[in-house]
Amino acid sequence: MSLDIEQVEKIAWLARLQIEAEAKADYARNLSDILDFVEQLSRIDTTGVTPMAHPQDLPQRLRADEVTESDQRELFQQVAPAVENGLYLVPKVIE
């Protein structure tokens, strides 16, 4: 798929990106190359291929689930501007 400069300008506008005029042709070429590669990948027959969560199908090393810090809520809430019933009070942001 080949993108032209108008399409790059529209994509940039949608993404709220400002692209210099002299760079738009490079962006069009690079984005077209990416789309061509994705199209090439989509043509590959993946029938019978089991999806994997990671390219290296290895078990994940996990750390022990143990408490490493003590409960300091009251210490932290002493310096908070507003607290009620153990909860931090914040200003209303939605009207």
N, C-alpha and C. Protein backbone atom coordinates (compact mmCIF):
# COMPACT_ATOMS: atom_id res chain seq x y z
N MET A 1 0.86 -1.18 0.00
CA MET A 1 0.00 0.00 0.00
C MET A 1 0.89 1.23 0.00
N SER A 2 0.58 2.14 -0.85
CA SER A 2 1.40 3.34 -0.97
C SER A 2 0.61 4.55 -0.47
N LEU A 3 1.21 5.27 0.46
CA LEU A 3 0.57 6.47 0.98
C LEU A 3 1.11 7.69 0.25
N ASP A 4 0.24 8.65 0.01
CA ASP A 4 0.72 9.90 -0.56
C ASP A 4 0.82 10.96 0.54
N ILE A 5 1.30 12.12 0.18
CA ILE A 5 1.56 13.17 1.17
C ILE A 5 0.26 13.65 1.82
N GLU A 6 -0.83 13.67 1.06
CA GLU A 6 -2.13 14.07 1.64
C GLU A 6 -2.55 13.13 2.76
N GLN A 7 -2.36 11.83 2.55
CA GLN A 7 -2.72 10.85 3.57
C GLN A 7 -1.81 10.98 4.80
N VAL A 8 -0.54 11.26 4.58
CA VAL A 8 0.38 11.49 5.70
C VAL A 8 -0.05 12.72 6.49
N GLU A 9 -0.45 13.77 5.80
CA GLU A 9 -0.93 14.98 6.48
C GLU A 9 -2.17 14.67 7.31
N LYS A 10 -3.09 13.85 6.77
CA LYS A 10 -4.30 13.49 7.51
C LYS A 10 -3.95 12.67 8.74
N ILE A 11 -3.04 11.69 8.59
CA ILE A 11 -2.61 10.87 9.72
C ILE A 11 -1.95 11.75 10.78
N ALA A 12 -1.10 12.67 10.34
CA ALA A 12 -0.43 13.57 11.28
C ALA A 12 -1.45 14.44 12.01
N TRP A 13 -2.46 14.91 11.30
CA TRP A 13 -3.49 15.73 11.93
C TRP A 13 -4.26 14.92 12.96
N LEU A 14 -4.62 13.67 12.61
CA LEU A 14 -5.35 12.81 13.55
C LEU A 14 -4.53 12.51 14.79
N ALA A 15 -3.21 12.35 14.61
CA ALA A 15 -2.32 12.05 15.73
C ALA A 15 -1.84 13.31 16.43
N ARG A 16 -2.28 14.44 15.93
CA ARG A 16 -1.88 15.75 16.48
C ARG A 16 -0.36 15.91 16.46
N LEU A 17 0.23 15.54 15.31
CA LEU A 17 1.67 15.67 15.12
C LEU A 17 1.94 16.76 14.10
N GLN A 18 2.99 17.49 14.32
CA GLN A 18 3.40 18.50 13.37
C GLN A 18 4.62 17.96 12.62
N ILE A 19 4.48 17.83 11.31
CA ILE A 19 5.57 17.30 10.49
C ILE A 19 6.04 18.40 9.56
N GLU A 20 7.35 18.58 9.51
CA GLU A 20 7.93 19.58 8.61
C GLU A 20 7.62 19.20 7.16
N ALA A 21 7.41 20.19 6.32
CA ALA A 21 7.03 19.95 4.92
C ALA A 21 8.05 19.09 4.18
N GLU A 22 9.34 19.32 4.44
CA GLU A 22 10.37 18.57 3.71
C GLU A 22 10.48 17.12 4.20
N ALA A 23 9.89 16.79 5.34
CA ALA A 23 9.97 15.43 5.87
C ALA A 23 8.76 14.59 5.48
N LYS A 24 7.73 15.20 4.91
CA LYS A 24 6.49 14.47 4.62
C LYS A 24 6.71 13.35 3.61
N ALA A 25 7.56 13.55 2.63
CA ALA A 25 7.83 12.50 1.63
C ALA A 25 8.51 11.31 2.30
N ASP A 26 9.44 11.57 3.21
CA ASP A 26 10.10 10.48 3.94
C ASP A 26 9.10 9.72 4.79
N TYR A 27 8.20 10.45 5.45
CA TYR A 27 7.17 9.79 6.26
C TYR A 27 6.28 8.93 5.38
N ALA A 28 5.90 9.44 4.23
CA ALA A 28 5.04 8.67 3.33
C ALA A 28 5.74 7.39 2.90
N ARG A 29 7.02 7.46 2.57
CA ARG A 29 7.77 6.28 2.15
C ARG A 29 7.90 5.28 3.31
N ASN A 30 8.27 5.77 4.49
CA ASN A 30 8.45 4.88 5.64
C ASN A 30 7.14 4.22 6.07
N LEU A 31 6.07 4.99 6.12
CA LEU A 31 4.77 4.41 6.49
C LEU A 31 4.30 3.40 5.45
N SER A 32 4.55 3.69 4.18
CA SER A 32 4.18 2.75 3.11
C SER A 32 4.96 1.45 3.26
N ASP A 33 6.25 1.55 3.59
CA ASP A 33 7.07 0.35 3.80
C ASP A 33 6.52 -0.48 4.97
N ILE A 34 6.12 0.19 6.04
CA ILE A 34 5.57 -0.52 7.19
C ILE A 34 4.28 -1.23 6.82
N LEU A 35 3.39 -0.54 6.11
CA LEU A 35 2.12 -1.14 5.69
C LEU A 35 2.35 -2.31 4.74
N ASP A 36 3.34 -2.18 3.84
CA ASP A 36 3.67 -3.29 2.94
C ASP A 36 4.15 -4.50 3.73
N PHE A 37 4.95 -4.27 4.75
CA PHE A 37 5.45 -5.37 5.57
C PHE A 37 4.31 -6.04 6.33
N VAL A 38 3.39 -5.26 6.88
CA VAL A 38 2.23 -5.83 7.58
C VAL A 38 1.38 -6.65 6.61
N GLU A 39 1.22 -6.15 5.40
CA GLU A 39 0.46 -6.90 4.40
C GLU A 39 1.16 -8.21 4.06
N GLN A 40 2.49 -8.18 3.96
CA GLN A 40 3.26 -9.38 3.70
C GLN A 40 3.07 -10.40 4.84
N LEU A 41 3.09 -9.92 6.07
CA LEU A 41 2.89 -10.80 7.22
C LEU A 41 1.49 -11.40 7.24
N SER A 42 0.51 -10.62 6.83
CA SER A 42 -0.88 -11.11 6.87
C SER A 42 -1.13 -12.20 5.83
N ARG A 43 -0.28 -12.31 4.82
CA ARG A 43 -0.45 -13.35 3.80
C ARG A 43 0.12 -14.70 4.24
N ILE A 44 0.86 -14.73 5.33
CA ILE A 44 1.47 -15.98 5.79
C ILE A 44 0.39 -16.89 6.37
N ASP A 45 0.44 -18.17 5.98
CA ASP A 45 -0.52 -19.14 6.48
C ASP A 45 -0.12 -19.57 7.89
N THR A 46 -0.93 -19.24 8.87
CA THR A 46 -0.64 -19.59 10.26
C THR A 46 -1.57 -20.68 10.78
N THR A 47 -2.17 -21.42 9.88
CA THR A 47 -3.05 -22.51 10.28
C THR A 47 -2.24 -23.54 11.06
N GLY A 48 -2.74 -23.89 12.24
CA GLY A 48 -2.08 -24.90 13.06
C GLY A 48 -0.95 -24.36 13.93
N VAL A 49 -0.69 -23.07 13.86
CA VAL A 49 0.37 -22.48 14.69
C VAL A 49 -0.27 -22.03 16.00
N THR A 50 0.27 -22.53 17.10
CA THR A 50 -0.26 -22.18 18.41
C THR A 50 0.21 -20.79 18.81
N PRO A 51 -0.71 -19.90 19.17
CA PRO A 51 -0.30 -18.56 19.60
C PRO A 51 0.57 -18.63 20.85
N MET A 52 1.55 -17.76 20.91
CA MET A 52 2.44 -17.73 22.07
C MET A 52 2.39 -16.34 22.70
N ALA A 53 2.59 -16.28 24.02
CA ALA A 53 2.61 -15.01 24.72
C ALA A 53 3.97 -14.34 24.59
N HIS A 54 4.99 -15.12 24.24
CA HIS A 54 6.34 -14.59 24.16
C HIS A 54 7.09 -15.38 23.09
N PRO A 55 7.99 -14.76 22.32
CA PRO A 55 8.67 -15.51 21.27
C PRO A 55 9.55 -16.65 21.79
N GLN A 56 10.02 -16.54 23.01
CA GLN A 56 10.77 -17.63 23.61
C GLN A 56 9.83 -18.32 24.59
N ASP A 57 9.39 -19.49 24.25
CA ASP A 57 8.39 -20.19 25.06
C ASP A 57 9.05 -20.80 26.30
N LEU A 58 9.42 -19.95 27.25
CA LEU A 58 10.08 -20.38 28.47
C LEU A 58 9.21 -20.03 29.67
N PRO A 59 9.32 -20.78 30.75
CA PRO A 59 8.56 -20.40 31.95
C PRO A 59 9.13 -19.12 32.55
N GLN A 60 8.27 -18.32 33.12
CA GLN A 60 8.69 -17.06 33.72
C GLN A 60 9.19 -17.30 35.14
N ARG A 61 10.35 -16.72 35.44
CA ARG A 61 10.87 -16.84 36.80
C ARG A 61 10.11 -15.86 37.68
N LEU A 62 9.55 -16.36 38.75
CA LEU A 62 8.76 -15.54 39.65
C LEU A 62 9.48 -15.40 40.98
N ARG A 63 9.30 -14.24 41.59
CA ARG A 63 9.88 -14.04 42.92
C ARG A 63 8.87 -14.51 43.96
N ALA A 64 9.37 -14.74 45.14
CA ALA A 64 8.48 -15.16 46.23
C ALA A 64 7.54 -14.01 46.58
N ASP A 65 6.29 -14.33 46.85
CA ASP A 65 5.29 -13.32 47.21
C ASP A 65 5.33 -13.12 48.72
N GLU A 66 6.17 -12.19 49.14
CA GLU A 66 6.30 -11.93 50.57
C GLU A 66 6.33 -10.43 50.82
N VAL A 67 5.88 -10.03 52.00
CA VAL A 67 5.83 -8.63 52.38
C VAL A 67 7.25 -8.13 52.58
N THR A 68 7.57 -6.98 51.94
CA THR A 68 8.91 -6.42 52.08
C THR A 68 8.90 -5.07 52.78
N GLU A 69 7.73 -4.46 52.94
CA GLU A 69 7.63 -3.18 53.63
C GLU A 69 6.51 -3.24 54.65
N SER A 70 6.68 -2.46 55.70
CA SER A 70 5.64 -2.43 56.73
C SER A 70 4.56 -1.42 56.34
N ASP A 71 3.40 -1.53 56.98
CA ASP A 71 2.28 -0.63 56.73
C ASP A 71 2.60 0.74 57.33
N GLN A 72 2.72 1.76 56.46
CA GLN A 72 3.05 3.10 56.92
C GLN A 72 1.94 4.10 56.58
N ARG A 73 0.72 3.60 56.44
CA ARG A 73 -0.38 4.47 56.03
C ARG A 73 -0.56 5.65 56.98
N GLU A 74 -0.56 5.40 58.28
CA GLU A 74 -0.78 6.49 59.23
C GLU A 74 0.34 7.52 59.16
N LEU A 75 1.56 7.08 58.97
CA LEU A 75 2.68 8.01 58.83
C LEU A 75 2.50 8.90 57.61
N PHE A 76 2.11 8.30 56.49
CA PHE A 76 1.91 9.06 55.27
C PHE A 76 0.70 9.99 55.37
N GLN A 77 -0.34 9.55 56.05
CA GLN A 77 -1.54 10.38 56.15
C GLN A 77 -1.36 11.55 57.11
N GLN A 78 -0.35 11.50 57.96
CA GLN A 78 -0.09 12.63 58.84
C GLN A 78 0.33 13.87 58.06
N VAL A 79 0.98 13.68 56.92
CA VAL A 79 1.44 14.81 56.11
C VAL A 79 0.48 15.14 54.96
N ALA A 80 -0.59 14.36 54.81
CA ALA A 80 -1.56 14.62 53.75
C ALA A 80 -2.41 15.84 54.10
N PRO A 81 -2.79 16.63 53.10
CA PRO A 81 -3.59 17.83 53.37
C PRO A 81 -4.98 17.53 53.94
N ALA A 82 -5.60 16.42 53.48
CA ALA A 82 -6.96 16.11 53.96
C ALA A 82 -7.15 14.59 53.98
N VAL A 83 -7.56 14.08 55.15
CA VAL A 83 -7.79 12.64 55.34
C VAL A 83 -9.08 12.46 56.12
N GLU A 84 -9.84 11.42 55.77
CA GLU A 84 -11.06 11.11 56.52
C GLU A 84 -11.24 9.59 56.52
N ASN A 85 -11.38 9.01 57.69
CA ASN A 85 -11.58 7.56 57.84
C ASN A 85 -10.53 6.74 57.11
N GLY A 86 -9.28 7.18 57.16
CA GLY A 86 -8.20 6.44 56.53
C GLY A 86 -8.10 6.62 55.03
N LEU A 87 -8.87 7.53 54.46
CA LEU A 87 -8.85 7.77 53.01
C LEU A 87 -8.33 9.18 52.73
N TYR A 88 -7.62 9.34 51.64
CA TYR A 88 -7.15 10.66 51.21
C TYR A 88 -8.31 11.39 50.55
N LEU A 89 -8.52 12.63 50.92
CA LEU A 89 -9.55 13.46 50.30
C LEU A 89 -8.89 14.34 49.26
N VAL A 90 -9.48 14.40 48.10
CA VAL A 90 -8.93 15.20 47.00
C VAL A 90 -10.00 16.17 46.51
N PRO A 91 -9.59 17.26 45.86
CA PRO A 91 -10.58 18.22 45.36
C PRO A 91 -11.43 17.58 44.26
N LYS A 92 -12.66 18.02 44.18
CA LYS A 92 -13.58 17.54 43.15
C LYS A 92 -13.10 18.06 41.80
N VAL A 93 -13.01 17.17 40.80
CA VAL A 93 -12.52 17.59 39.49
C VAL A 93 -13.62 17.49 38.44
N ILE A 94 -14.71 16.83 38.73
CA ILE A 94 -15.82 16.71 37.79
C ILE A 94 -17.03 17.41 38.40
N GLU A 95 -17.63 18.25 37.59
CA GLU A 95 -18.80 18.98 38.11
C GLU A 95 -20.07 18.36 37.65
